[in-house]
C-alpha atoms as a PDB file:
ATOM      1  CA  UNK A   1      12.691  -7.350  35.776  1.00  0.00           C
ATOM      2  CA  UNK A   2      12.340  -9.471  32.640  1.00  0.00           C
ATOM      3  CA  UNK A   3       8.709 -10.303  33.489  1.00  0.00           C
ATOM      4  CA  UNK A   4       7.500  -6.685  33.250  1.00  0.00           C
ATOM      5  CA  UNK A   5       7.970  -6.103  29.469  1.00  0.00           C
ATOM      6  CA  UNK A   6       6.305  -9.444  28.751  1.00  0.00           C
ATOM      7  CA  UNK A   7       3.323  -8.380  30.849  1.00  0.00           C
ATOM      8  CA  UNK A   8       2.999  -5.139  28.910  1.00  0.00           C
ATOM      9  CA  UNK A   9       3.089  -6.935  25.568  1.00  0.00           C
ATOM     10  CA  UNK A  10       0.497  -9.463  26.768  1.00  0.00           C
ATOM     11  CA  UNK A  11      -1.776  -6.647  27.987  1.00  0.00           C
ATOM     12  CA  UNK A  12      -1.503  -4.891  24.623  1.00  0.00           C
ATOM     13  CA  UNK A  13      -2.320  -8.083  22.726  1.00  0.00           C
ATOM     14  CA  UNK A  14      -5.229  -9.173  24.931  1.00  0.00           C
ATOM     15  CA  UNK A  15      -7.227  -6.030  25.395  1.00  0.00           C
ATOM     16  CA  UNK A  16      -6.738  -2.555  26.730  1.00  0.00           C
ATOM     17  CA  UNK A  17      -4.051  -1.475  24.264  1.00  0.00           C
ATOM     18  CA  UNK A  18      -5.828  -2.800  21.203  1.00  0.00           C
ATOM     19  CA  UNK A  19      -9.182  -1.272  22.148  1.00  0.00           C
ATOM     20  CA  UNK A  20      -7.407   2.017  22.681  1.00  0.00           C
ATOM     21  CA  UNK A  21      -5.872   1.919  19.183  1.00  0.00           C
ATOM     22  CA  UNK A  22      -8.962   0.748  17.322  1.00  0.00           C
ATOM     23  CA  UNK A  23     -10.829   4.084  16.905  1.00  0.00           C
ATOM     24  CA  UNK A  24      -7.803   5.911  15.511  1.00  0.00           C
ATOM     25  CA  UNK A  25      -7.184   3.103  13.006  1.00  0.00           C
ATOM     26  CA  UNK A  26     -10.784   3.312  11.809  1.00  0.00           C
ATOM     27  CA  UNK A  27     -10.615   7.108  11.586  1.00  0.00           C
ATOM     28  CA  UNK A  28      -7.386   6.895   9.616  1.00  0.00           C
ATOM     29  CA  UNK A  29      -8.849   4.323   7.240  1.00  0.00           C
ATOM     30  CA  UNK A  30     -11.930   6.452   6.605  1.00  0.00           C
ATOM     31  CA  UNK A  31      -9.719   9.507   5.989  1.00  0.00           C
ATOM     32  CA  UNK A  32      -7.678   7.534   3.470  1.00  0.00           C
ATOM     33  CA  UNK A  33     -10.838   6.228   1.784  1.00  0.00           C
ATOM     34  CA  UNK A  34     -12.270   9.760   1.564  1.00  0.00           C
ATOM     35  CA  UNK A  35      -8.995  11.050   0.134  1.00  0.00           C
ATOM     36  CA  UNK A  36      -8.933   8.307  -2.500  1.00  0.00           C
ATOM     37  CA  UNK A  37     -12.571   8.974  -3.441  1.00  0.00           C
ATOM     38  CA  UNK A  38     -11.827  12.690  -3.809  1.00  0.00           C
ATOM     39  CA  UNK A  39      -8.803  11.953  -6.003  1.00  0.00           C
ATOM     40  CA  UNK A  40     -10.930   9.726  -8.253  1.00  0.00           C
ATOM     41  CA  UNK A  41     -13.617  12.417  -8.530  1.00  0.00           C
ATOM     42  CA  UNK A  42     -10.990  15.055  -9.347  1.00  0.00           C
ATOM     43  CA  UNK A  43      -9.499  12.802 -12.030  1.00  0.00           C
ATOM     44  CA  UNK A  44     -12.939  12.191 -13.541  1.00  0.00           C
ATOM     45  CA  UNK A  45     -13.726  15.914 -13.523  1.00  0.00           C
ATOM     46  CA  UNK A  46     -10.381  16.729 -15.171  1.00  0.00           C
ATOM     47  CA  UNK A  47     -11.041  14.040 -17.780  1.00  0.00           C
ATOM     48  CA  UNK A  48     -14.497  15.471 -18.507  1.00  0.00           C
ATOM     49  CA  UNK A  49     -13.033  18.976 -18.899  1.00  0.00           C
ATOM     50  CA  UNK A  50     -10.354  17.696 -21.277  1.00  0.00           C
ATOM     51  CA  UNK A  51     -12.961  15.845 -23.361  1.00  0.00           C
ATOM     52  CA  UNK A  52     -15.125  18.979 -23.434  1.00  0.00           C
ATOM     53  CA  UNK A  53     -12.187  21.041 -24.760  1.00  0.00           C
ATOM     54  CA  UNK A  54     -11.498  18.541 -27.533  1.00  0.00           C
ATOM     55  CA  UNK A  55     -15.079  18.665 -28.835  1.00  0.00           C
END
């Protein structure tokens, strides 16, 4: 019985599991990057509006 969990872990580390997870990790990273870029753009736009009001 104790050999089975070890096999699963080894399979995950060597191939099938990791390949299966890779696309979702990349998609998540790109979503985070897009979100961060949008936040920066929103901050810059808000800053520009504030500067426009002051002038």
